[in-house]
Amino acid sequence: MTRHILDILAGTIAEKSAQSPDDSYTAQLLQAGLERILRKFGEEALEVVLAASVSENPKAEITTESADLLYHLLVLWQQAGIQPEEVWSELARRQSQSGLEEKASR
């Protein structure tokens, strides 16, 4: 089975976490800690919202900003010790029930 690009990116982020922050933006983020990662993730989320709401070329900008958002989400997962497979399993579990049932179960 072909690996998904998000799995490949997560692996790259894991590898970069061991590099020097002088050589890797990912290593810089991880060394800076959770607060910095959350701030970057929040910035990227806002940029996706802005691209969708006020952009003259929303499709292209949403695509670009979504890639940034997903990257920063994967950095957050790395910081938190979350493997992508854990998230994929949770999504698969939820797929077997309606969104309303899932929300009611929380």
Protein backbone atom coordinates (compact mmCIF):
# COMPACT_ATOMS: atom_id res chain seq x y z
CA MET A 1 0.00 0.00 0.00
CA THR A 2 1.29 3.45 -0.88
CA ARG A 3 2.02 5.68 2.09
CA HIS A 4 -0.01 8.86 2.32
CA ILE A 5 1.83 12.17 2.00
CA LEU A 6 0.84 13.08 5.57
CA ASP A 7 2.48 9.90 6.85
CA ILE A 8 5.61 10.72 4.84
CA LEU A 9 5.63 14.30 6.15
CA ALA A 10 5.18 13.08 9.73
CA GLY A 11 8.22 10.85 9.24
CA THR A 12 10.23 13.77 7.91
CA ILE A 13 9.19 15.89 10.90
CA ALA A 14 10.26 13.10 13.26
CA GLU A 15 13.64 12.93 11.55
CA LYS A 16 14.07 16.71 11.66
CA SER A 17 13.27 16.73 15.38
CA ALA A 18 16.69 15.18 15.97
CA GLN A 19 18.50 17.80 13.90
CA SER A 20 20.09 20.99 15.10
CA PRO A 21 17.76 24.00 15.25
CA ASP A 22 20.46 25.82 13.29
CA ASP A 23 19.78 23.49 10.36
CA SER A 24 16.02 22.93 10.53
CA TYR A 25 12.94 25.13 10.93
CA THR A 26 11.09 22.07 12.25
CA ALA A 27 13.76 21.52 14.89
CA GLN A 28 13.55 25.22 15.80
CA LEU A 29 9.80 24.96 16.34
CA LEU A 30 10.08 21.80 18.41
CA GLN A 31 12.88 23.23 20.53
CA ALA A 32 10.89 26.45 21.10
CA GLY A 33 8.17 24.35 22.69
CA LEU A 34 4.43 23.98 22.77
CA GLU A 35 3.54 27.66 23.09
CA ARG A 36 5.42 28.56 19.90
CA ILE A 37 3.96 25.60 18.02
CA LEU A 38 0.43 26.53 19.11
CA ARG A 39 0.96 30.15 18.08
CA LYS A 40 2.13 29.08 14.61
CA PHE A 41 -0.75 26.61 14.28
CA GLY A 42 -3.22 29.34 15.26
CA GLU A 43 -1.69 31.77 12.78
CA GLU A 44 -2.01 29.24 9.98
CA ALA A 45 -5.61 28.41 10.94
CA LEU A 46 -6.46 32.10 10.77
CA GLU A 47 -4.76 32.38 7.39
CA VAL A 48 -6.95 29.54 6.05
CA VAL A 49 -10.05 31.35 7.33
CA LEU A 50 -8.93 34.62 5.76
CA ALA A 51 -8.10 32.92 2.48
CA ALA A 52 -11.59 31.45 2.38
CA SER A 53 -13.35 34.66 3.31
CA VAL A 54 -11.52 37.61 1.76
CA SER A 55 -9.14 36.26 -0.86
CA GLU A 56 -9.45 37.18 -4.52
CA ASN A 57 -8.20 33.70 -5.42
CA PRO A 58 -9.60 31.58 -2.59
CA LYS A 59 -8.96 28.13 -4.08
CA ALA A 60 -5.22 28.72 -4.55
CA GLU A 61 -4.78 30.50 -1.24
CA ILE A 62 -6.84 27.97 0.71
CA THR A 63 -4.72 25.21 -0.81
CA THR A 64 -1.44 26.91 0.12
CA GLU A 65 -2.54 27.89 3.60
CA SER A 66 -4.03 24.44 4.23
CA ALA A 67 -0.66 22.87 3.47
CA ASP A 68 0.94 25.20 6.03
CA LEU A 69 -1.78 24.36 8.55
CA LEU A 70 -1.34 20.60 8.10
CA TYR A 71 2.43 20.90 8.46
CA HIS A 72 2.06 22.78 11.74
CA LEU A 73 -0.56 20.27 12.94
CA LEU A 74 1.93 17.46 12.32
CA VAL A 75 4.59 19.40 14.24
CA LEU A 76 2.11 19.68 17.12
CA TRP A 77 1.48 15.92 16.95
CA GLN A 78 5.25 15.32 17.08
CA GLN A 79 5.55 17.54 20.14
CA ALA A 80 2.64 15.73 21.81
CA GLY A 81 3.92 12.25 20.92
CA ILE A 82 0.93 11.49 18.70
CA GLN A 83 1.44 9.13 15.76
CA PRO A 84 -0.65 9.82 12.64
CA GLU A 85 -2.02 6.26 12.83
CA GLU A 86 -3.67 7.17 16.13
CA VAL A 87 -5.59 9.97 14.44
CA TRP A 88 -6.43 7.81 11.42
CA SER A 89 -7.80 5.14 13.77
CA GLU A 90 -9.95 7.69 15.57
CA LEU A 91 -11.30 8.97 12.25
CA ALA A 92 -12.07 5.40 11.16
CA ARG A 93 -13.86 4.75 14.46
CA ARG A 94 -15.97 7.85 14.00
CA GLN A 95 -16.82 6.96 10.41
CA SER A 96 -19.05 4.17 11.67
CA GLN A 97 -21.36 6.63 13.45
CA SER A 98 -23.07 9.86 12.56
CA GLY A 99 -21.47 13.16 13.52
CA LEU A 100 -24.40 13.91 15.81
CA GLU A 101 -23.97 10.60 17.64
CA GLU A 102 -20.23 11.19 17.96
CA LYS A 103 -20.72 14.65 19.46
CA ALA A 104 -23.35 13.33 21.89
CA SER A 105 -20.89 10.67 23.09
CA ARG A 106 -18.32 13.24 24.27
